[in-house]
Amino acid sequence: ACDTSRHRGARDAFKRAMSTPDDARAYPRRSNAASRRSTIVSWNVGLRGLRALTDARAAQKTNGRADAHGVRRIHGYGSMKALFDALGNDLKVICLQETKLSSSGDVERLERVEGWDGAHAVCESSNHRVGYSGVAVYWRSNEICPTSIERGVCAKGDAGESTMWAGEIAPFADDAPRAKEIDGEGRALWVDFGEFVLCTVYVPAVFGDPAVDEKTAERAAFKRDFLSALEARYKSLRERGRNVILCGDWNIAPSWKLDRADEDPNAVEPRNPSRDWLAAQLAGDAMVDVFREFFPTLGDAFTCWNVASGAQLSNYGSRIDYFLCDRAVTLKRVRGVGVAQKFEGSDHAPVYLELEESMWRRRDSQQTPPSLAISMLYPGRQTTVDSIFARASSTSNATPEFLNAASQSRAKPTRPSARAQSRAGVSDAPKRKPEATLKDFFVVKSKKKEPDDRNERQLDTVEQHIAPTANAFESRETKVSSEEARGAWMNTFAKMAPPKCKHGETCKVRTVKKKESPHCGRVFFCCPRPAGARTNPDCDCGFFLWREHRAPK
């Protein structure tokens, strides 16, 4: 198992009540927090996904090779239990985004942690790759139990399960294909805990300019419809008198100035429809950004960084993970909120919300979990850490199939060598082809075929043109000296080498890997230093160049 003491320290650093700005960046713990579990944590684990983060073999890679910026990151916690323990022993509920589970079978195979139950929403859309998106909610099953669970924001597939919106027309009810598409990516999960309804979301991200790229425009429309359905759902609950808590990865920075790393104080904020939508939700007394209620002017409280560029080293990121609550809950029953920026395992930081004890309804001894709970979907199946290691050890003792095949081939009678066959006057061994030379790549080779009457003249004409060309190349080749060839190869490699950045250092070569991006797969050059403010000489100088746009030398 993984030693999680140093990761737990990301939250244990503060033992007092939240009262100073520094506390907000490393969620505080009270001395009696373990005996009063009342905290919700929300964390995007998409850098590696939930399976990789809890893989029993990942804990052995914690002190692996450092990246280009000298950072050694944790590869995983070794088990679900170790992950939950690292997040904190005062937790009541754990919300996860971008779990990257590909099917319900992946959920079934996850380790069950004693005293915990949960629910998942996975991506079921055929338009995306395996292991895309996905959200989950876990709760302490021996203390609390939800009364209802619903996946998605359009009530597709769970209408019979949910009691939260009984008798209500769901969003996009008149457009079933669109509703199925929105809910098919596994981006929302609603859990009714009695005193309040909790929803964790993974809001779609939009890369590029919708005005110039059709694919980007489609994703922007998808994000707009998702947020519209989410708004209709939570407002319906509020009209029914329910308390609502929304959390997750919103892919929206609430404040363009305060919640984004930007060194230009004179920059003009571009119009962003998603930020406009969020501003409308926070207007008046509807919903509030809980973190900003406690820390209205605190900067650098970022929750997401581009770790590939080393942005976490200079805290050059954005705050896109947070809690939204209705004002009645926030003012009366929220005790604290914070961000654990030093917690390892993803390119996002966990965010925490602590509630008063009165917000948690104790589980009744006769209460049965909803049908979408893991304990109800897969009854009697209890995957533990011991069973995971047992499977690993039994597998390691078995002989791989390719080794069995190799041992069988060694047991077969050996054939006489080619030399022995030639001495005996018998040889059926295939002849070795002569090694190819540089000239072979330029000489045009024609296949010997029987010409028919229609194209015989055309073949003769082609051969007349090819022969002089090949002969000319052969005569030129003899005149090329070894020094000229060496110079030609060095010139070729020089053109392939990365350019220099503004610091005079060799650029990094990177590839766009985001599948949603219209530039996915494109290669570019950038400054090798960690991302940061341009005014910081130790950070990225801002050099950027697409590989295909590079001027020839």
Protein backbone atom coordinates (compact mmCIF):
# COMPACT_ATOMS: atom_id res chain seq x y z
CA ALA A 1 0.00 0.00 0.00
CA CYS A 2 1.05 3.58 -0.56
CA ASP A 3 2.42 5.66 2.29
CA THR A 4 -0.06 8.54 2.30
CA SER A 5 1.34 10.47 5.26
CA ARG A 6 2.92 13.21 3.16
CA HIS A 7 -0.25 13.59 1.07
CA ARG A 8 -2.47 13.74 4.12
CA GLY A 9 -0.24 16.55 5.32
CA ALA A 10 -1.64 18.71 2.55
CA ARG A 11 -4.73 19.01 4.72
CA ASP A 12 -3.26 18.41 8.18
CA ALA A 13 -1.09 21.53 7.95
CA PHE A 14 -3.84 23.66 9.47
CA LYS A 15 -5.47 22.52 12.70
CA ARG A 16 -7.42 25.66 13.49
CA ALA A 17 -10.70 27.07 12.19
CA MET A 18 -10.54 28.78 8.84
CA SER A 19 -9.81 32.42 9.47
CA THR A 20 -6.84 33.43 7.30
CA PRO A 21 -6.33 33.37 3.51
CA ASP A 22 -3.57 30.78 3.77
CA ASP A 23 -6.03 28.34 5.31
CA ALA A 24 -8.12 28.39 2.16
CA ARG A 25 -5.29 26.85 0.15
CA ALA A 26 -4.72 23.89 2.48
CA TYR A 27 -8.04 22.91 3.96
CA PRO A 28 -7.92 23.21 7.80
CA ARG A 29 -8.49 20.36 10.18
CA ARG A 30 -9.82 20.72 13.70
CA SER A 31 -8.41 18.52 16.43
CA ASN A 32 -11.66 16.61 16.81
CA ALA A 33 -12.41 16.42 13.07
CA ALA A 34 -12.18 12.63 12.98
CA SER A 35 -14.99 12.26 15.50
CA ARG A 36 -17.20 14.73 13.63
CA ARG A 37 -17.25 13.65 10.00
CA SER A 38 -19.09 16.38 8.18
CA THR A 39 -17.02 17.22 5.09
CA ILE A 40 -17.64 16.81 1.36
CA VAL A 41 -14.66 16.62 -0.98
CA SER A 42 -14.82 17.12 -4.75
CA TRP A 43 -11.89 16.07 -6.93
CA ASN A 44 -11.24 15.64 -10.64
CA VAL A 45 -9.01 12.56 -11.03
CA GLY A 46 -8.81 12.78 -14.81
CA LEU A 47 -5.02 12.98 -15.12
CA ARG A 48 -4.88 9.19 -14.79
CA GLY A 49 -8.43 8.13 -14.01
CA LEU A 50 -9.80 6.24 -11.03
CA ARG A 51 -8.61 2.76 -12.03
CA ALA A 52 -5.00 3.86 -12.53
CA LEU A 53 -5.06 5.97 -9.38
CA THR A 54 -6.12 2.97 -7.27
CA ASP A 55 -4.12 0.28 -9.09
CA ALA A 56 -2.26 -1.96 -6.63
CA ARG A 57 0.90 -1.66 -8.74
CA ALA A 58 0.81 2.14 -8.93
CA ALA A 59 1.97 2.65 -5.33
CA GLN A 60 5.34 1.13 -6.25
CA LYS A 61 5.88 3.88 -8.84
CA THR A 62 5.47 6.79 -6.44
CA ASN A 63 9.15 7.75 -6.55
CA GLY A 64 9.48 7.27 -10.28
CA ARG A 65 11.45 9.17 -12.86
CA ALA A 66 11.24 12.95 -12.71
CA ASP A 67 9.60 14.82 -15.58
CA ALA A 68 11.16 17.54 -17.75
CA HIS A 69 10.81 20.02 -14.86
CA GLY A 70 12.35 17.75 -12.23
CA VAL A 71 9.02 16.90 -10.60
CA ARG A 72 8.34 13.40 -9.30
CA ARG A 73 4.61 12.80 -9.15
CA ILE A 74 2.71 10.10 -7.39
CA HIS A 75 1.35 7.53 -9.86
CA GLY A 76 -1.34 6.21 -7.57
CA TYR A 77 -2.37 5.29 -4.06
CA GLY A 78 -2.49 1.52 -4.49
CA SER A 79 -6.12 1.02 -3.50
CA MET A 80 -9.45 2.77 -3.04
CA LYS A 81 -9.04 2.59 0.73
CA ALA A 82 -5.61 4.24 0.61
CA LEU A 83 -7.03 6.99 -1.60
CA PHE A 84 -9.97 7.62 0.73
CA ASP A 85 -7.67 7.65 3.77
CA ALA A 86 -5.34 10.15 2.10
CA LEU A 87 -8.23 12.50 1.35
CA GLY A 88 -9.03 12.67 5.08
CA ASN A 89 -10.73 10.77 7.89
CA ASP A 90 -13.30 13.51 8.49
CA LEU A 91 -15.02 12.97 5.15
CA LYS A 92 -18.67 12.08 4.89
CA VAL A 93 -18.98 12.22 1.09
CA ILE A 94 -16.43 11.95 -1.75
CA CYS A 95 -17.30 13.29 -5.23
CA LEU A 96 -15.08 12.37 -8.17
CA GLN A 97 -15.04 13.64 -11.74
CA GLU A 98 -13.46 12.28 -14.91
CA THR A 99 -13.22 8.78 -13.49
CA LYS A 100 -12.60 7.39 -17.01
CA LEU A 101 -14.40 4.12 -16.38
CA SER A 102 -15.53 2.56 -19.64
CA SER A 103 -18.49 0.47 -18.50
CA SER A 104 -20.49 -0.83 -15.56
CA GLY A 105 -18.07 -3.77 -15.53
CA ASP A 106 -15.26 -1.40 -14.58
CA VAL A 107 -17.38 -0.15 -11.69
CA GLU A 108 -18.09 -3.70 -10.56
CA ARG A 109 -14.38 -4.58 -10.53
CA LEU A 110 -13.41 -1.62 -8.34
CA GLU A 111 -12.33 -2.38 -4.81
CA ARG A 112 -15.07 -2.03 -2.18
CA VAL A 113 -14.00 -0.08 0.86
CA GLU A 114 -15.57 -1.25 4.10
CA GLY A 115 -18.02 1.31 5.45
CA TRP A 116 -18.46 3.03 2.08
CA ASP A 117 -21.06 2.78 -0.67
CA GLY A 118 -21.33 4.77 -3.88
CA ALA A 119 -22.81 5.36 -7.31
CA HIS A 120 -21.33 6.00 -10.74
CA ALA A 121 -22.36 7.55 -14.03
CA VAL A 122 -20.16 6.37 -16.91
CA CYS A 123 -19.91 7.45 -20.52
CA GLU A 124 -22.15 5.29 -22.69
CA SER A 125 -21.87 7.35 -25.86
CA SER A 126 -20.43 5.66 -28.93
CA ASN A 127 -19.13 9.03 -30.14
CA HIS A 128 -16.25 8.99 -27.67
CA ARG A 129 -13.29 6.78 -26.89
CA VAL A 130 -13.34 4.13 -24.18
CA GLY A 131 -12.74 5.55 -20.72
CA TYR A 132 -14.08 9.05 -21.32
CA SER A 133 -15.60 11.37 -18.73
CA GLY A 134 -17.60 9.80 -15.85
CA VAL A 135 -18.50 10.95 -12.31
CA ALA A 136 -19.01 9.22 -8.98
CA VAL A 137 -20.26 9.89 -5.44
CA TYR A 138 -19.23 7.81 -2.41
CA TRP A 139 -20.69 8.10 1.09
CA ARG A 140 -20.13 6.52 4.51
CA SER A 141 -22.77 3.84 4.35
CA ASN A 142 -22.71 3.10 8.09
CA GLU A 143 -23.62 6.72 8.89
CA ILE A 144 -25.78 8.08 6.06
CA CYS A 145 -27.83 6.69 3.20
CA PRO A 146 -29.37 8.54 0.25
CA THR A 147 -33.05 8.22 -0.52
CA SER A 148 -32.70 8.65 -4.28
CA ILE A 149 -30.07 8.70 -7.04
CA GLU A 150 -30.33 9.95 -10.61
CA ARG A 151 -27.81 10.05 -13.43
CA GLY A 152 -27.59 12.88 -15.95
CA VAL A 153 -29.55 16.10 -16.27
CA CYS A 154 -32.30 14.94 -18.62
CA ALA A 155 -33.65 11.97 -16.62
CA LYS A 156 -32.97 9.46 -19.40
CA GLY A 157 -32.96 5.91 -18.06
CA ASP A 158 -33.54 6.74 -14.39
CA ALA A 159 -37.05 8.19 -14.47
CA GLY A 160 -38.45 5.22 -12.58
CA GLU A 161 -35.74 5.42 -9.94
CA SER A 162 -35.84 9.10 -9.06
CA THR A 163 -38.26 10.65 -6.59
CA MET A 164 -36.62 14.07 -6.73
CA TRP A 165 -38.66 15.28 -9.70
CA ALA A 166 -41.80 13.18 -9.43
CA GLY A 167 -44.36 14.07 -12.09
CA GLU A 168 -42.13 16.66 -13.73
CA ILE A 169 -41.31 17.04 -17.41
CA ALA A 170 -37.57 16.65 -17.86
CA PRO A 171 -35.40 19.00 -19.93
CA PHE A 172 -35.34 18.22 -23.67
CA ALA A 173 -38.34 15.94 -23.26
CA ASP A 174 -39.40 16.89 -26.79
CA ASP A 175 -35.96 16.07 -28.21
CA ALA A 176 -35.15 12.53 -27.09
CA PRO A 177 -31.99 12.11 -29.22
CA ARG A 178 -30.48 15.31 -27.78
CA ALA A 179 -31.41 14.31 -24.22
CA LYS A 180 -29.79 10.91 -24.74
CA GLU A 181 -26.68 12.55 -26.16
CA ILE A 182 -26.36 14.94 -23.19
CA ASP A 183 -26.81 12.24 -20.56
CA GLY A 184 -24.79 9.67 -22.50
CA GLU A 185 -21.43 11.15 -21.53
CA GLY A 186 -21.84 10.48 -17.80
CA ARG A 187 -21.35 14.07 -16.62
CA ALA A 188 -23.81 14.46 -13.74
CA LEU A 189 -24.97 12.48 -10.73
CA TRP A 190 -27.67 13.56 -8.26
CA VAL A 191 -27.83 12.10 -4.75
CA ASP A 192 -30.62 12.99 -2.30
CA PHE A 193 -29.34 12.88 1.29
CA GLY A 194 -32.62 14.01 2.83
CA GLU A 195 -31.64 17.41 4.18
CA PHE A 196 -30.16 18.44 0.84
CA VAL A 197 -29.65 17.21 -2.71
CA LEU A 198 -26.03 16.92 -3.85
CA CYS A 199 -25.08 16.99 -7.53
CA THR A 200 -21.56 16.46 -8.83
CA VAL A 201 -20.87 17.56 -12.40
CA TYR A 202 -18.12 17.39 -14.99
CA VAL A 203 -19.04 20.26 -17.29
CA PRO A 204 -17.85 19.89 -20.91
CA ALA A 205 -14.79 21.87 -21.93
CA VAL A 206 -14.58 23.86 -25.15
CA PHE A 207 -11.23 24.32 -26.93
CA GLY A 208 -10.79 26.73 -29.78
CA ASP A 209 -12.99 29.36 -31.38
CA PRO A 210 -16.56 28.24 -32.18
CA ALA A 211 -16.78 30.96 -34.82
CA VAL A 212 -14.08 29.43 -37.00
CA ASP A 213 -14.23 25.71 -36.26
CA GLU A 214 -17.30 23.53 -36.79
CA LYS A 215 -16.29 20.87 -34.25
CA THR A 216 -15.67 23.50 -31.60
CA ALA A 217 -19.06 25.06 -32.36
CA GLU A 218 -20.73 21.68 -31.81
CA ARG A 219 -19.08 21.23 -28.42
CA ALA A 220 -19.98 24.80 -27.43
CA ALA A 221 -23.63 24.05 -28.25
CA PHE A 222 -23.40 20.81 -26.27
CA LYS A 223 -22.02 22.68 -23.24
CA ARG A 224 -24.79 25.29 -23.54
CA ASP A 225 -27.51 22.61 -23.59
CA PHE A 226 -25.92 20.73 -20.69
CA LEU A 227 -25.83 23.85 -18.53
CA SER A 228 -29.38 24.75 -19.54
CA ALA A 229 -30.66 21.34 -18.43
CA LEU A 230 -28.65 21.53 -15.21
CA GLU A 231 -30.16 24.92 -14.44
CA ALA A 232 -33.69 23.65 -15.01
CA ARG A 233 -33.09 20.71 -12.69
CA TYR A 234 -31.60 22.54 -9.73
CA LYS A 235 -34.10 25.42 -9.96
CA SER A 236 -36.95 22.91 -9.91
CA LEU A 237 -35.57 21.51 -6.66
CA ARG A 238 -35.33 24.99 -5.19
CA GLU A 239 -38.96 25.66 -6.13
CA ARG A 240 -39.86 22.49 -4.23
CA GLY A 241 -38.15 23.91 -1.14
CA ARG A 242 -35.08 21.66 -1.32
CA ASN A 243 -31.56 22.70 -0.35
CA VAL A 244 -29.11 22.13 -3.22
CA ILE A 245 -25.34 21.74 -3.33
CA LEU A 246 -23.60 21.56 -6.71
CA CYS A 247 -19.92 20.68 -7.00
CA GLY A 248 -17.36 19.44 -9.47
CA ASP A 249 -15.18 20.50 -12.35
CA TRP A 250 -17.09 23.32 -14.03
CA ASN A 251 -14.51 24.22 -16.68
CA ILE A 252 -15.56 27.82 -16.02
CA ALA A 253 -13.48 30.33 -14.06
CA PRO A 254 -16.05 32.49 -12.20
CA SER A 255 -13.93 35.64 -12.37
CA TRP A 256 -11.79 36.28 -15.42
CA LYS A 257 -9.41 38.43 -13.38
CA LEU A 258 -9.40 36.82 -9.94
CA ASP A 259 -9.74 33.14 -10.82
CA ARG A 260 -7.26 32.96 -13.68
CA ALA A 261 -3.49 33.43 -13.78
CA ASP A 262 -3.08 36.52 -15.97
CA GLU A 263 -0.17 38.91 -15.79
CA ASP A 264 -1.72 41.62 -17.98
CA PRO A 265 -3.80 44.00 -15.79
CA ASN A 266 -4.98 45.92 -18.84
CA ALA A 267 -6.29 42.94 -20.80
CA VAL A 268 -9.91 43.15 -21.92
CA GLU A 269 -12.10 40.25 -20.89
CA PRO A 270 -13.42 38.37 -23.93
CA ARG A 271 -17.06 37.37 -24.02
CA ASN A 272 -17.61 33.88 -22.70
CA PRO A 273 -21.17 32.42 -22.85
CA SER A 274 -20.38 29.88 -20.10
CA ARG A 275 -19.15 32.59 -17.73
CA ASP A 276 -22.23 34.65 -18.57
CA TRP A 277 -24.39 31.66 -17.64
CA LEU A 278 -22.58 31.22 -14.31
CA ALA A 279 -22.88 34.93 -13.53
CA ALA A 280 -26.63 34.68 -14.05
CA GLN A 281 -26.84 31.78 -11.56
CA LEU A 282 -24.92 33.78 -8.95
CA ALA A 283 -26.96 36.94 -9.40
CA GLY A 284 -29.34 37.86 -6.63
CA ASP A 285 -30.07 35.33 -3.91
CA ALA A 286 -30.30 32.22 -6.08
CA MET A 287 -26.94 30.43 -5.73
CA VAL A 288 -23.55 31.46 -4.35
CA ASP A 289 -19.95 30.50 -4.99
CA VAL A 290 -19.17 29.26 -1.48
CA PHE A 291 -15.44 29.90 -1.72
CA ARG A 292 -15.99 33.55 -2.68
CA GLU A 293 -18.49 33.96 0.14
CA PHE A 294 -15.68 33.16 2.58
CA PHE A 295 -12.79 34.72 0.61
CA PRO A 296 -14.14 37.48 -1.67
CA THR A 297 -10.77 38.86 -2.79
CA LEU A 298 -8.29 36.03 -2.28
CA GLY A 299 -6.14 35.42 -5.36
CA ASP A 300 -3.99 32.49 -6.47
CA ALA A 301 -6.53 30.01 -5.05
CA PHE A 302 -6.28 27.91 -8.20
CA THR A 303 -7.52 24.35 -8.51
CA CYS A 304 -6.25 23.29 -11.95
CA TRP A 305 -2.88 23.53 -13.70
CA ASN A 306 -1.25 22.32 -16.88
CA VAL A 307 1.17 19.93 -15.18
CA ALA A 308 2.84 19.00 -18.48
CA SER A 309 4.12 22.59 -18.69
CA GLY A 310 5.11 22.64 -15.00
CA ALA A 311 2.49 25.30 -14.24
CA GLN A 312 1.90 23.91 -10.75
CA LEU A 313 5.46 24.91 -9.79
CA SER A 314 4.60 28.59 -10.15
CA ASN A 315 0.89 28.17 -9.29
CA TYR A 316 -0.06 29.40 -12.75
CA GLY A 317 -3.55 27.97 -13.17
CA SER A 318 -7.26 28.63 -12.80
CA ARG A 319 -10.03 28.05 -10.29
CA ILE A 320 -12.58 25.87 -12.06
CA ASP A 321 -13.42 23.41 -9.23
CA TYR A 322 -15.80 24.74 -6.59
CA PHE A 323 -19.09 24.40 -4.70
CA LEU A 324 -22.30 26.24 -5.47
CA CYS A 325 -25.00 26.30 -2.81
CA ASP A 326 -28.29 28.03 -2.29
CA ARG A 327 -27.85 31.01 0.00
CA ALA A 328 -29.83 29.57 2.88
CA VAL A 329 -27.43 26.63 3.19
CA THR A 330 -24.32 28.75 2.75
CA LEU A 331 -25.17 31.41 5.34
CA LYS A 332 -26.50 29.12 8.02
CA ARG A 333 -24.90 25.70 7.82
CA VAL A 334 -21.53 25.86 6.03
CA ARG A 335 -18.64 25.83 8.49
CA GLY A 336 -15.69 26.04 6.10
CA VAL A 337 -14.39 25.67 2.57
CA GLY A 338 -10.94 25.23 1.09
CA VAL A 339 -8.55 23.93 -1.56
CA ALA A 340 -5.76 21.37 -1.01
CA GLN A 341 -3.32 22.64 -3.64
CA LYS A 342 -0.47 20.34 -2.59
CA PHE A 343 -2.50 17.14 -2.80
CA GLU A 344 -0.97 14.86 -5.44
CA GLY A 345 -2.41 12.52 -8.02
CA SER A 346 -4.05 14.74 -10.64
CA ASP A 347 -3.81 18.05 -12.45
CA HIS A 348 -6.67 19.28 -10.25
CA ALA A 349 -6.72 19.97 -6.52
CA PRO A 350 -9.42 18.58 -4.22
CA VAL A 351 -11.86 21.19 -2.90
CA TYR A 352 -13.61 20.78 0.46
CA LEU A 353 -16.86 21.89 2.03
CA GLU A 354 -17.63 21.37 5.71
CA LEU A 355 -21.26 21.34 6.85
CA GLU A 356 -22.86 21.49 10.25
CA GLU A 357 -23.91 18.20 11.79
CA SER A 358 -27.57 19.17 11.46
CA MET A 359 -27.25 18.83 7.66
CA TRP A 360 -26.58 15.10 7.89
CA ARG A 361 -29.54 12.81 8.40
CA ARG A 362 -28.50 9.60 10.18
CA ARG A 363 -29.18 6.35 8.42
CA ASP A 364 -32.14 4.37 9.65
CA SER A 365 -31.34 0.77 10.51
CA GLN A 366 -34.08 -0.42 8.15
CA GLN A 367 -33.17 1.92 5.29
CA THR A 368 -32.26 0.32 1.96
CA PRO A 369 -29.96 2.13 -0.49
CA PRO A 370 -31.41 3.20 -3.85
CA SER A 371 -31.21 0.71 -6.70
CA LEU A 372 -28.39 2.63 -8.41
CA ALA A 373 -26.08 2.24 -5.40
CA ILE A 374 -23.12 -0.06 -5.97
CA SER A 375 -24.21 -2.30 -3.09
CA MET A 376 -27.57 -2.86 -4.82
CA LEU A 377 -26.31 -3.20 -8.38
CA TYR A 378 -23.67 -5.77 -7.43
CA PRO A 379 -24.90 -7.46 -4.22
CA GLY A 380 -22.67 -10.03 -2.59
CA ARG A 381 -19.57 -8.93 -4.46
CA GLN A 382 -16.90 -7.52 -2.18
CA THR A 383 -13.58 -6.79 -3.89
CA THR A 384 -10.89 -6.10 -1.31
CA VAL A 385 -7.25 -5.12 -1.42
CA ASP A 386 -6.22 -8.65 -0.38
CA SER A 387 -8.10 -10.20 -3.28
CA ILE A 388 -6.44 -7.79 -5.72
CA PHE A 389 -2.98 -8.81 -4.50
CA ALA A 390 -4.02 -12.47 -4.53
CA ARG A 391 -4.97 -12.23 -8.19
CA ALA A 392 -1.74 -10.45 -8.98
CA SER A 393 0.41 -13.09 -7.25
CA SER A 394 -1.43 -16.02 -8.85
CA THR A 395 -1.06 -14.42 -12.24
CA SER A 396 2.63 -13.79 -11.74
CA ASN A 397 3.26 -17.50 -11.01
CA ALA A 398 1.61 -18.60 -14.22
CA THR A 399 3.77 -19.07 -17.31
CA PRO A 400 2.86 -16.58 -20.02
CA GLU A 401 1.47 -18.03 -23.19
CA PHE A 402 4.31 -16.82 -25.36
CA LEU A 403 6.84 -18.54 -23.04
CA ASN A 404 4.90 -21.79 -23.29
CA ALA A 405 5.01 -21.51 -27.03
CA ALA A 406 8.75 -20.91 -26.92
CA SER A 407 9.36 -23.95 -24.73
CA GLN A 408 7.28 -26.11 -27.07
CA SER A 409 9.27 -24.94 -30.06
CA ARG A 410 12.51 -25.85 -28.29
CA ALA A 411 11.22 -29.35 -27.71
CA LYS A 412 10.70 -30.01 -31.43
CA PRO A 413 13.39 -31.91 -33.43
CA THR A 414 15.94 -29.54 -34.90
CA ARG A 415 16.41 -29.24 -38.64
CA PRO A 416 19.88 -29.60 -40.18
CA SER A 417 21.65 -26.33 -40.85
CA ALA A 418 21.83 -24.77 -44.29
CA ARG A 419 25.56 -25.66 -44.50
CA ALA A 420 24.83 -29.30 -43.71
CA GLN A 421 22.10 -29.38 -46.33
CA SER A 422 24.40 -27.88 -48.97
CA ARG A 423 27.04 -30.53 -48.24
CA ALA A 424 24.43 -33.18 -48.76
CA GLY A 425 23.38 -31.57 -52.01
CA VAL A 426 19.96 -30.62 -50.64
CA SER A 427 18.86 -27.12 -49.76
CA ASP A 428 15.29 -25.86 -49.27
CA ALA A 429 16.26 -22.92 -47.05
CA PRO A 430 15.17 -19.51 -48.37
CA LYS A 431 17.92 -17.40 -49.90
CA ARG A 432 18.83 -14.18 -48.14
CA LYS A 433 18.05 -11.02 -50.02
CA PRO A 434 20.96 -8.63 -50.56
CA GLU A 435 20.93 -5.63 -48.23
CA ALA A 436 19.38 -2.49 -49.69
CA THR A 437 21.60 0.47 -50.48
CA LEU A 438 20.77 4.16 -50.67
CA LYS A 439 20.64 3.86 -54.47
CA ASP A 440 17.83 1.28 -54.27
CA PHE A 441 15.48 3.88 -52.86
CA PHE A 442 15.82 6.07 -55.93
CA VAL A 443 16.00 3.54 -58.79
CA VAL A 444 12.59 2.82 -60.27
CA LYS A 445 11.90 -0.88 -60.38
CA SER A 446 9.46 -2.29 -62.90
CA LYS A 447 7.56 -5.50 -62.42
CA LYS A 448 7.99 -8.15 -65.11
CA LYS A 449 4.61 -8.72 -66.66
CA GLU A 450 3.44 -10.06 -69.97
CA PRO A 451 2.29 -6.97 -71.89
CA ASP A 452 -0.92 -7.17 -73.76
CA ASP A 453 -1.54 -5.61 -77.15
CA ARG A 454 -3.30 -2.53 -75.79
CA ASN A 455 -0.56 -1.15 -73.50
CA GLU A 456 2.59 -2.64 -75.03
CA ARG A 457 3.51 0.63 -76.71
CA GLN A 458 2.89 2.58 -73.49
CA LEU A 459 5.21 0.31 -71.50
CA ASP A 460 7.96 0.69 -74.09
CA THR A 461 7.65 4.48 -73.88
CA VAL A 462 7.83 4.46 -70.06
CA GLU A 463 10.94 2.25 -70.06
CA GLN A 464 12.65 4.61 -72.49
CA HIS A 465 12.10 7.48 -70.02
CA ILE A 466 13.07 5.52 -66.91
CA ALA A 467 16.33 4.07 -68.17
CA PRO A 468 18.15 7.38 -68.79
CA THR A 469 17.00 8.69 -65.40
CA ALA A 470 18.36 5.66 -63.53
CA ASN A 471 21.64 5.72 -65.45
CA ALA A 472 22.08 9.41 -64.77
CA PHE A 473 21.55 8.88 -61.04
CA GLU A 474 24.06 6.01 -61.04
CA SER A 475 26.73 8.18 -62.68
CA ARG A 476 26.08 11.03 -60.23
CA GLU A 477 26.21 8.72 -57.23
CA THR A 478 29.81 7.78 -57.92
CA LYS A 479 30.80 11.44 -57.82
CA VAL A 480 29.30 12.16 -54.40
CA SER A 481 32.01 12.15 -51.76
CA SER A 482 31.58 10.90 -48.25
CA GLU A 483 32.02 14.43 -46.89
CA GLU A 484 29.18 15.74 -49.03
CA ALA A 485 26.92 12.90 -47.89
CA ARG A 486 27.80 13.58 -44.28
CA GLY A 487 27.03 17.26 -44.73
CA ALA A 488 23.70 16.49 -46.35
CA TRP A 489 22.62 14.28 -43.43
CA MET A 490 23.72 16.87 -40.87
CA ASN A 491 21.72 19.53 -42.67
CA THR A 492 18.68 17.26 -42.65
CA PHE A 493 18.95 16.65 -38.89
CA ALA A 494 19.50 20.37 -38.27
CA LYS A 495 16.18 21.13 -39.94
CA MET A 496 14.47 18.54 -37.72
CA ALA A 497 15.96 19.85 -34.45
CA PRO A 498 13.68 22.01 -32.23
CA PRO A 499 14.23 25.78 -32.46
CA LYS A 500 15.50 27.99 -29.67
CA CYS A 501 13.12 29.91 -27.42
CA LYS A 502 13.56 33.54 -26.33
CA HIS A 503 15.81 32.34 -23.49
CA GLY A 504 18.11 30.76 -26.07
CA GLU A 505 17.22 27.28 -24.82
CA THR A 506 16.14 24.33 -26.96
CA CYS A 507 12.36 24.15 -27.13
CA LYS A 508 10.25 21.25 -25.94
CA VAL A 509 8.42 19.24 -28.58
CA ARG A 510 4.84 18.57 -27.52
CA THR A 511 1.69 17.16 -29.04
CA VAL A 512 -1.91 18.26 -28.46
CA LYS A 513 -3.60 15.25 -26.83
CA LYS A 514 -7.02 16.61 -25.89
CA LYS A 515 -9.50 14.70 -28.02
CA GLU A 516 -11.98 17.57 -27.83
CA SER A 517 -9.49 20.03 -29.29
CA PRO A 518 -9.64 20.78 -33.02
CA HIS A 519 -5.81 20.70 -32.91
CA CYS A 520 -5.63 17.18 -31.47
CA GLY A 521 -2.55 15.41 -32.82
CA ARG A 522 -0.72 18.56 -33.94
CA VAL A 523 2.91 18.97 -32.86
CA PHE A 524 4.29 22.26 -31.60
CA PHE A 525 7.41 23.79 -30.03
CA CYS A 526 7.37 25.76 -26.77
CA CYS A 527 9.66 27.13 -24.09
CA PRO A 528 11.10 24.37 -21.86
CA ARG A 529 10.70 26.35 -18.63
CA PRO A 530 7.64 25.98 -16.34
CA ALA A 531 4.57 27.99 -17.28
CA GLY A 532 4.11 31.22 -15.38
CA ALA A 533 3.79 34.98 -15.61
CA ARG A 534 5.78 36.57 -18.42
CA THR A 535 7.22 38.99 -15.87
CA ASN A 536 8.89 36.07 -14.08
CA PRO A 537 12.26 35.45 -15.79
CA ASP A 538 12.38 31.88 -14.46
CA CYS A 539 9.14 30.94 -16.22
CA ASP A 540 7.96 30.30 -19.77
CA CYS A 541 8.98 33.08 -22.16
CA GLY A 542 5.87 32.57 -24.27
CA PHE A 543 7.55 31.11 -27.35
CA PHE A 544 5.15 28.95 -29.38
CA LEU A 545 5.32 27.56 -32.90
CA TRP A 546 3.39 24.88 -34.75
CA ARG A 547 5.77 22.41 -36.34
CA GLU A 548 4.30 22.82 -39.82
CA HIS A 549 4.66 26.60 -39.59
CA ARG A 550 8.39 26.44 -38.99
CA ALA A 551 10.37 28.33 -41.63
CA PRO A 552 12.92 26.16 -43.49
CA LYS A 553 16.57 26.82 -42.73
